[in-house]
Structure formats: structure tokens, C-alpha cells
N, C-alpha and C. Protein backbone atom coordinates (compact mmCIF):
# COMPACT_ATOMS: atom_id res chain seq x y z
N MET A 1 30.16 -61.27 -51.58
CA MET A 1 28.97 -59.84 -51.27
C MET A 1 29.16 -59.51 -49.73
N LYS A 2 28.62 -58.54 -49.81
CA LYS A 2 28.01 -58.13 -48.43
C LYS A 2 26.64 -58.55 -48.18
N GLN A 3 26.21 -58.68 -46.90
CA GLN A 3 24.89 -58.75 -46.50
C GLN A 3 24.54 -57.67 -45.79
N THR A 4 22.87 -57.22 -46.41
CA THR A 4 22.42 -56.51 -45.38
C THR A 4 21.98 -56.86 -44.31
N ALA A 5 21.52 -55.69 -43.41
CA ALA A 5 20.84 -56.49 -42.05
C ALA A 5 19.35 -56.87 -42.31
N VAL A 6 18.72 -56.50 -43.29
CA VAL A 6 17.26 -56.91 -43.44
C VAL A 6 17.64 -58.80 -44.04
N GLU A 7 18.72 -58.85 -44.89
CA GLU A 7 19.07 -60.03 -45.32
C GLU A 7 19.24 -60.89 -44.04
N TRP A 8 20.40 -60.41 -43.41
CA TRP A 8 20.73 -61.18 -41.91
C TRP A 8 19.35 -61.80 -41.28
N LEU A 9 18.59 -60.38 -41.04
CA LEU A 9 17.47 -60.76 -39.91
C LEU A 9 16.52 -62.08 -40.41
N VAL A 10 16.58 -62.10 -41.90
CA VAL A 10 15.19 -63.14 -42.83
C VAL A 10 16.19 -64.12 -42.35
N GLU A 11 17.65 -64.48 -42.61
CA GLU A 11 18.11 -65.92 -42.53
C GLU A 11 17.73 -66.35 -41.33
N GLN A 12 17.39 -65.38 -40.01
CA GLN A 12 17.79 -65.80 -38.52
C GLN A 12 16.11 -66.55 -38.74
N LEU A 13 15.15 -66.02 -39.57
CA LEU A 13 13.96 -66.32 -38.88
C LEU A 13 13.69 -67.96 -39.36
N PRO A 14 12.45 -68.31 -38.64
CA PRO A 14 12.22 -69.87 -39.08
C PRO A 14 11.43 -69.71 -40.35
N MET A 15 11.30 -70.96 -41.17
CA MET A 15 10.80 -71.03 -42.35
C MET A 15 9.33 -70.61 -42.25
N ARG A 16 8.72 -70.80 -41.47
CA ARG A 16 7.36 -70.52 -41.29
C ARG A 16 6.84 -69.10 -41.07
N ILE A 17 7.96 -68.58 -40.52
CA ILE A 17 7.37 -67.10 -40.30
C ILE A 17 7.89 -66.30 -41.52
N LYS A 18 8.70 -66.71 -42.21
CA LYS A 18 9.68 -66.14 -43.67
C LYS A 18 8.09 -66.19 -44.77
N ASN A 19 7.69 -67.52 -44.54
CA ASN A 19 6.69 -67.89 -45.68
C ASN A 19 5.15 -66.93 -45.28
N SER A 20 5.21 -66.72 -44.27
CA SER A 20 4.07 -66.03 -43.89
C SER A 20 4.16 -64.50 -44.08
N MET A 21 5.02 -63.91 -44.22
CA MET A 21 5.51 -62.67 -44.25
C MET A 21 6.38 -62.45 -45.52
N MET A 22 6.18 -62.90 -46.45
CA MET A 22 6.78 -62.46 -47.61
C MET A 22 6.91 -60.96 -48.25
N ASP A 23 5.82 -60.70 -48.33
CA ASP A 23 5.39 -59.39 -48.64
C ASP A 23 5.79 -58.32 -48.03
N GLU A 24 5.99 -58.31 -46.09
CA GLU A 24 6.50 -57.44 -45.54
C GLU A 24 8.07 -57.48 -45.74
N ILE A 25 8.48 -58.65 -45.99
CA ILE A 25 10.35 -58.94 -45.55
C ILE A 25 10.79 -58.27 -47.21
N GLU A 26 9.88 -58.40 -48.36
CA GLU A 26 10.39 -57.96 -49.51
C GLU A 26 10.15 -56.50 -49.49
N GLN A 27 9.03 -55.98 -48.86
CA GLN A 27 8.87 -54.29 -48.64
C GLN A 27 10.25 -53.79 -47.82
N ALA A 28 10.70 -54.42 -46.59
CA ALA A 28 11.43 -54.17 -45.93
C ALA A 28 13.03 -53.90 -46.75
N LYS A 29 13.07 -55.17 -47.85
CA LYS A 29 14.51 -54.95 -48.33
C LYS A 29 14.53 -53.84 -49.34
N GLU A 30 13.13 -53.21 -49.78
CA GLU A 30 13.44 -52.42 -50.90
C GLU A 30 13.79 -51.15 -50.01
N MET A 31 12.96 -51.12 -48.97
CA MET A 31 13.06 -49.95 -48.24
C MET A 31 14.62 -49.54 -47.79
N GLU A 32 15.26 -50.46 -47.01
CA GLU A 32 16.76 -50.71 -46.72
C GLU A 32 17.45 -50.40 -47.92
N LYS A 33 17.36 -50.68 -49.24
CA LYS A 33 18.04 -50.76 -50.31
C LYS A 33 17.96 -49.12 -50.76
N GLU A 34 16.61 -48.50 -50.94
CA GLU A 34 16.57 -46.88 -50.97
C GLU A 34 17.39 -46.26 -49.89
N GLN A 35 17.56 -46.58 -48.65
CA GLN A 35 17.89 -46.03 -47.32
C GLN A 35 19.37 -45.90 -47.97
N ILE A 36 19.99 -47.27 -48.23
CA ILE A 36 21.42 -47.30 -48.89
C ILE A 36 21.72 -46.43 -50.03
N ILE A 37 21.02 -46.46 -51.11
CA ILE A 37 21.36 -45.46 -52.05
C ILE A 37 21.29 -44.03 -51.66
N GLU A 38 20.30 -43.62 -51.07
CA GLU A 38 20.13 -42.20 -50.76
C GLU A 38 21.39 -42.05 -49.74
N ALA A 39 22.08 -42.74 -48.92
CA ALA A 39 22.79 -42.28 -48.08
C ALA A 39 24.22 -42.27 -48.91
N HIS A 40 24.30 -43.20 -49.72
CA HIS A 40 25.53 -43.39 -50.76
C HIS A 40 25.50 -41.90 -51.35
N ASN A 41 24.40 -41.79 -52.07
CA ASN A 41 24.34 -40.46 -53.02
C ASN A 41 24.71 -39.08 -52.09
N SER A 42 24.25 -39.23 -50.96
CA SER A 42 24.45 -38.08 -50.16
C SER A 42 26.16 -37.65 -49.65
N GLY A 43 26.41 -38.79 -49.77
CA GLY A 43 28.12 -38.51 -49.67
C GLY A 43 28.73 -38.54 -51.18
N LYS A 44 27.98 -37.90 -52.27
CA LYS A 44 28.64 -37.86 -53.18
C LYS A 44 30.22 -37.31 -53.30
N ASN A 45 30.26 -36.08 -52.44
CA ASN A 45 31.29 -35.35 -52.93
C ASN A 45 32.49 -35.94 -52.23
N ILE A 46 32.75 -37.10 -51.44
CA ILE A 46 33.66 -37.72 -51.17
C ILE A 46 33.80 -39.43 -51.88
N LEU A 47 33.28 -39.42 -52.97
CA LEU A 47 32.96 -40.58 -53.82
C LEU A 47 33.77 -40.40 -55.09
N PRO A 48 33.85 -41.39 -55.83
CA PRO A 48 34.73 -41.48 -57.30
C PRO A 48 33.23 -40.53 -58.17
N PRO A 49 33.58 -39.88 -58.85
CA PRO A 49 32.77 -39.13 -59.71
C PRO A 49 31.67 -39.77 -60.65
N ASN A 50 32.14 -41.00 -60.86
CA ASN A 50 31.17 -41.70 -61.81
C ASN A 50 30.32 -42.95 -61.35
N GLU A 51 30.58 -42.88 -59.84
CA GLU A 51 29.85 -43.88 -58.98
C GLU A 51 28.57 -43.25 -58.56
N ASN A 52 27.26 -43.92 -58.52
CA ASN A 52 26.05 -43.42 -58.05
C ASN A 52 25.45 -44.39 -57.09
N GLY A 53 24.66 -44.14 -56.20
CA GLY A 53 24.28 -45.27 -55.41
C GLY A 53 23.43 -46.22 -55.98
N GLU A 54 22.96 -46.32 -56.95
CA GLU A 54 22.19 -47.53 -57.26
C GLU A 54 23.55 -48.63 -58.17
N GLN A 55 24.59 -47.90 -58.38
CA GLN A 55 25.54 -48.86 -58.76
C GLN A 55 26.37 -49.30 -57.38
N TYR A 56 26.71 -48.33 -56.36
CA TYR A 56 27.09 -49.05 -55.24
C TYR A 56 26.34 -50.04 -54.60
N TYR A 57 24.88 -49.96 -54.53
CA TYR A 57 24.28 -50.94 -53.90
C TYR A 57 24.27 -52.24 -54.54
N ASN A 58 24.43 -52.15 -56.11
CA ASN A 58 24.38 -53.30 -57.19
C ASN A 58 25.90 -54.07 -56.85
N GLU A 59 26.88 -53.46 -57.01
CA GLU A 59 28.31 -54.04 -56.76
C GLU A 59 28.37 -54.28 -55.26
N THR A 60 27.96 -53.90 -54.19
CA THR A 60 28.08 -54.49 -52.87
C THR A 60 27.15 -55.38 -52.05
N TYR A 61 26.01 -55.31 -52.36
CA TYR A 61 25.08 -56.19 -51.91
C TYR A 61 24.51 -57.40 -53.33
N GLY A 62 25.17 -57.04 -54.31
CA GLY A 62 24.59 -57.92 -55.47
C GLY A 62 23.34 -57.50 -56.28
N GLY A 63 22.89 -56.32 -56.26
CA GLY A 63 21.78 -55.89 -56.91
C GLY A 63 20.36 -56.47 -56.46
N GLU A 64 19.74 -56.89 -57.43
CA GLU A 64 18.31 -57.26 -56.96
C GLU A 64 17.99 -58.47 -56.16
N LYS A 65 17.21 -58.19 -55.16
CA LYS A 65 17.38 -59.08 -54.49
C LYS A 65 16.04 -59.51 -54.07
């Protein structure tokens, strides 16, 4: 599966920073997910007719993170 930019960044952080910023990290992941879904849905006229942004995100990035 692909990795989002936020997921990549979190992997680069030291554990102490990850632990102290878990709420902010989860919020950033959710914001990025919504942006990906919205962008995907905006291009719907060129996509398969039965696919939506949520489905695309889940299939591409592994669903809930």
C-alpha cells in the first residue's frame, strides 16, 4: 500500500516527539485523508463510475489509520 505524506513524516520523528504529539498527528492524518477524498471526488468525471473518494482512500492507503 502507498504511504501518505503525513505517515512518512511521522515515521521520521523520534519516538519522544510521536508520543508527545499523538493528538496533533491523528488530527493531521484525518485532515490529509479528507483532502485526498475531496480531491478524488472532485475528479470524479474521469474516474470509474462506481468509485468514490472514501473507497479510493481505503484501497490506496489501507483505510483507517
